[in-house]
Structure formats: C-alpha cells, structure tokens
Amino acid sequence: MLINQQLLMIGAFWNIRGLNKTGRVECLKDFISNNSLDFVGIQETKKECFHQSFFDCFGQFSWNFLPANGTTGGVLVGFKTSKFKILVWNVKNFCVSVLVTNVEDNFSWRLITVYGSPYDDHKHEFLEELHCLLGDWDGPTLIGGDFNLIRGTSEKK
C-alpha cells in the first residue's frame, strides 16, 4: 500500500525585540530546536552585524540578515540546509527575501520576512519595496514579520 505523504515544513516568524539582550540567543536556539523549525524569520534583531560563530551555534542552517539601523529594526532569516536549497537571497531596506527549493520534491517557493518602518515618513517606501518584491515572482510566496502598520490612530500604543 502506498501512502501519499506531503512534505511537512515547520517555520515561524518572531519579533524578538533585540538579540543583544541577555538570554535571547539561547532562547532562540531553544525555540528552533524545541519546535523542530525548518525555517525562521526573526524581526527587530537590533543587531548591525553577526559573526560566523553566532550562526554556527544553530547547526545546519543557512542564514542571511538585514542589519539594524542603529537600535531599530534588523531581520534575520534561516533555513535548514538538509531540507532546502537556497537559490537567491535578496536583502532590501525593509525585507529579506529568499527563493528556495525543497530538497525532497524540488518545489520552489519564496519567503519574505519584513520589518516595516516604525516611522510614518518611511511607510510609503516600505510598501513600495514590498510591492516591487511581489511583482517580480509569480510563484508561491509566504510573507510574515512585523509590518508596523495600523488601520487608525486608535490602534497605536
């Protein structure tokens, strides 16, 4: 008897609010391990750079990042190398986009992890960037992250 099994992928988006805080890296490692994540999109890293030793502590993941602007923003994206082949990384001003192929079935798709501008004067730039990204690929796309958008001032904290 043959059973048709679909490829299972487990991923998460998380606004971590600063990877520089004590215990956050260990918490991220536990989160990835305990949830058996195959891919992860982290927003608001508040880090301008990452050293290779940081990436090495997560095991067999391929990583790319958008640096924080001072203490604001920052995006980190990782994919488990045993499940995905990275075709193209695209690091923009507010997003990290990655085109991947599933190793098991050669299915190609794209992940976009966003950290939208928290400032009103950059909202239009963020939306334009997202619009352009969505216009350059007609395949399946998963978008997640912190858009920093509200419908009205009553929602603002």
Protein backbone atom coordinates (compact mmCIF):
# COMPACT_ATOMS: atom_id res chain seq x y z
CA MET A 1 0.00 0.00 0.00
CA LEU A 2 1.38 3.41 -0.99
CA ILE A 3 0.67 6.40 1.20
CA ASN A 4 0.93 9.84 -0.36
CA GLN A 5 2.85 11.96 2.11
CA GLN A 6 3.05 15.70 1.73
CA LEU A 7 6.26 17.46 2.57
CA LEU A 8 5.92 18.89 6.06
CA MET A 9 7.65 22.20 6.74
CA ILE A 10 7.62 23.95 10.08
CA GLY A 11 8.56 27.60 10.30
CA ALA A 12 8.00 30.63 12.46
CA PHE A 13 8.20 34.42 12.47
CA TRP A 14 9.19 36.14 15.70
CA ASN A 15 9.69 39.77 16.68
CA ILE A 16 12.44 39.10 19.19
CA ARG A 17 12.85 42.77 20.24
CA GLY A 18 16.62 42.59 20.46
CA LEU A 19 19.05 39.69 20.15
CA ASN A 20 21.55 41.66 22.24
CA LYS A 21 19.55 41.13 25.42
CA THR A 22 20.83 38.56 27.89
CA GLY A 23 19.50 35.08 27.21
CA ARG A 24 17.88 35.89 23.84
CA VAL A 25 20.29 33.84 21.71
CA GLU A 26 19.84 30.82 23.97
CA CYS A 27 16.08 31.35 23.87
CA LEU A 28 16.18 31.47 20.05
CA LYS A 29 18.25 28.27 19.90
CA ASP A 30 15.76 26.52 22.20
CA PHE A 31 12.81 27.86 20.18
CA ILE A 32 14.25 26.48 16.93
CA SER A 33 15.21 23.15 18.49
CA ASN A 34 12.08 22.57 20.61
CA ASN A 35 9.77 23.33 17.69
CA SER A 36 11.87 21.44 15.10
CA LEU A 37 11.83 24.51 12.87
CA ASP A 38 12.90 24.16 9.26
CA PHE A 39 12.94 27.91 8.66
CA VAL A 40 12.70 31.03 10.78
CA GLY A 41 12.24 34.76 10.20
CA ILE A 42 13.32 36.98 13.08
CA GLN A 43 12.49 40.69 13.20
CA GLU A 44 13.80 43.57 15.27
CA THR A 45 17.14 41.92 15.96
CA LYS A 46 18.64 45.33 16.79
CA LYS A 47 21.98 43.98 15.52
CA GLU A 48 24.06 45.62 12.82
CA CYS A 49 26.22 42.55 12.20
CA PHE A 50 26.54 38.87 13.04
CA HIS A 51 29.73 36.83 13.44
CA GLN A 52 30.07 33.35 11.97
CA SER A 53 30.25 31.90 15.49
CA PHE A 54 26.69 33.14 16.06
CA PHE A 55 25.43 31.21 13.02
CA ASP A 56 27.47 28.11 13.88
CA CYS A 57 25.66 27.64 17.19
CA PHE A 58 22.40 26.89 15.32
CA GLY A 59 23.68 23.84 13.46
CA GLN A 60 22.90 23.16 9.83
CA PHE A 61 21.11 26.37 8.84
CA SER A 62 21.82 28.81 6.05
CA TRP A 63 21.45 32.42 7.24
CA ASN A 64 21.20 35.94 5.88
CA PHE A 65 20.29 39.22 7.52
CA LEU A 66 19.28 42.82 7.09
CA PRO A 67 21.31 44.93 9.53
CA ALA A 68 19.54 47.07 12.09
CA ASN A 69 19.65 50.81 11.63
CA GLY A 70 21.19 51.80 14.94
CA THR A 71 18.89 50.32 17.57
CA THR A 72 15.92 49.97 15.20
CA GLY A 73 14.94 47.01 13.07
CA GLY A 74 17.04 44.22 11.72
CA VAL A 75 15.89 40.97 10.11
CA LEU A 76 17.45 37.51 10.37
CA VAL A 77 16.31 34.59 8.19
CA GLY A 78 17.45 30.97 8.40
CA PHE A 79 16.70 27.74 6.52
CA LYS A 80 17.64 24.19 7.46
CA THR A 81 20.14 23.06 4.82
CA SER A 82 19.02 19.42 4.94
CA LYS A 83 15.54 20.44 3.70
CA PHE A 84 16.16 23.46 1.46
CA LYS A 85 18.47 24.61 -1.26
CA ILE A 86 18.87 28.39 -1.34
CA LEU A 87 18.52 29.74 -4.87
CA VAL A 88 18.58 33.51 -4.31
CA TRP A 89 18.87 35.82 -1.30
CA ASN A 90 17.56 39.36 -1.76
CA VAL A 91 18.25 41.76 1.11
CA LYS A 92 16.35 45.03 0.74
CA ASN A 93 15.80 48.04 3.04
CA PHE A 94 12.87 46.54 4.98
CA CYS A 95 12.79 42.88 3.91
CA VAL A 96 14.83 39.76 3.40
CA SER A 97 13.50 37.66 0.54
CA VAL A 98 14.75 34.18 -0.23
CA LEU A 99 13.87 31.85 -3.08
CA VAL A 100 14.28 28.22 -2.05
CA THR A 101 13.74 24.74 -3.42
CA ASN A 102 12.62 21.90 -1.21
CA VAL A 103 15.31 19.19 -1.39
CA GLU A 104 12.78 16.35 -1.19
CA ASP A 105 10.44 17.33 -4.05
CA ASN A 106 12.19 20.23 -5.88
CA PHE A 107 9.24 22.55 -5.19
CA SER A 108 10.33 26.20 -5.40
CA TRP A 109 8.81 28.95 -3.30
CA ARG A 110 9.76 32.24 -1.72
CA LEU A 111 9.81 33.54 1.85
CA ILE A 112 9.74 37.26 2.60
CA THR A 113 10.44 38.37 6.16
CA VAL A 114 9.62 42.02 6.79
CA TYR A 115 10.27 44.65 9.41
CA GLY A 116 8.29 47.68 8.29
CA SER A 117 9.37 51.15 9.22
CA PRO A 118 8.13 52.24 12.65
CA TYR A 119 8.22 55.84 11.36
CA ASP A 120 5.38 57.35 9.32
CA ASP A 121 7.71 59.10 6.91
CA HIS A 122 9.08 55.73 5.66
CA LYS A 123 5.79 53.79 5.41
CA HIS A 124 5.42 54.57 1.70
CA GLU A 125 9.00 53.34 0.98
CA PHE A 126 8.27 50.10 2.83
CA LEU A 127 5.04 49.46 0.93
CA GLU A 128 6.70 50.30 -2.41
CA GLU A 129 9.51 47.85 -1.66
CA LEU A 130 7.02 45.11 -0.80
CA HIS A 131 5.00 45.88 -3.94
CA CYS A 132 8.13 45.57 -6.12
CA LEU A 133 9.12 42.28 -4.48
CA LEU A 134 5.67 40.83 -5.06
CA GLY A 135 5.76 41.89 -8.71
CA ASP A 136 8.99 40.08 -9.59
CA TRP A 137 7.87 36.50 -8.86
CA ASP A 138 4.61 34.77 -9.71
CA GLY A 139 5.21 31.61 -7.71
CA PRO A 140 4.10 30.75 -4.18
CA THR A 141 5.20 33.25 -1.55
CA LEU A 142 4.94 33.28 2.22
CA ILE A 143 5.18 36.74 3.82
CA GLY A 144 5.49 37.35 7.53
CA GLY A 145 7.05 39.57 10.10
CA ASP A 146 6.34 42.90 11.74
CA PHE A 147 4.70 45.24 9.27
CA ASN A 148 4.42 48.12 11.78
CA LEU A 149 1.16 49.16 10.14
CA ILE A 150 -2.05 50.19 11.83
CA ARG A 151 -5.51 50.98 10.46
CA GLY A 152 -6.06 54.01 12.64
CA THR A 153 -4.55 56.07 15.45
CA SER A 154 -6.78 54.32 17.99
CA GLU A 155 -4.66 51.16 17.50
CA LYS A 156 -1.39 52.92 18.23
CA LYS A 157 0.19 52.19 21.60
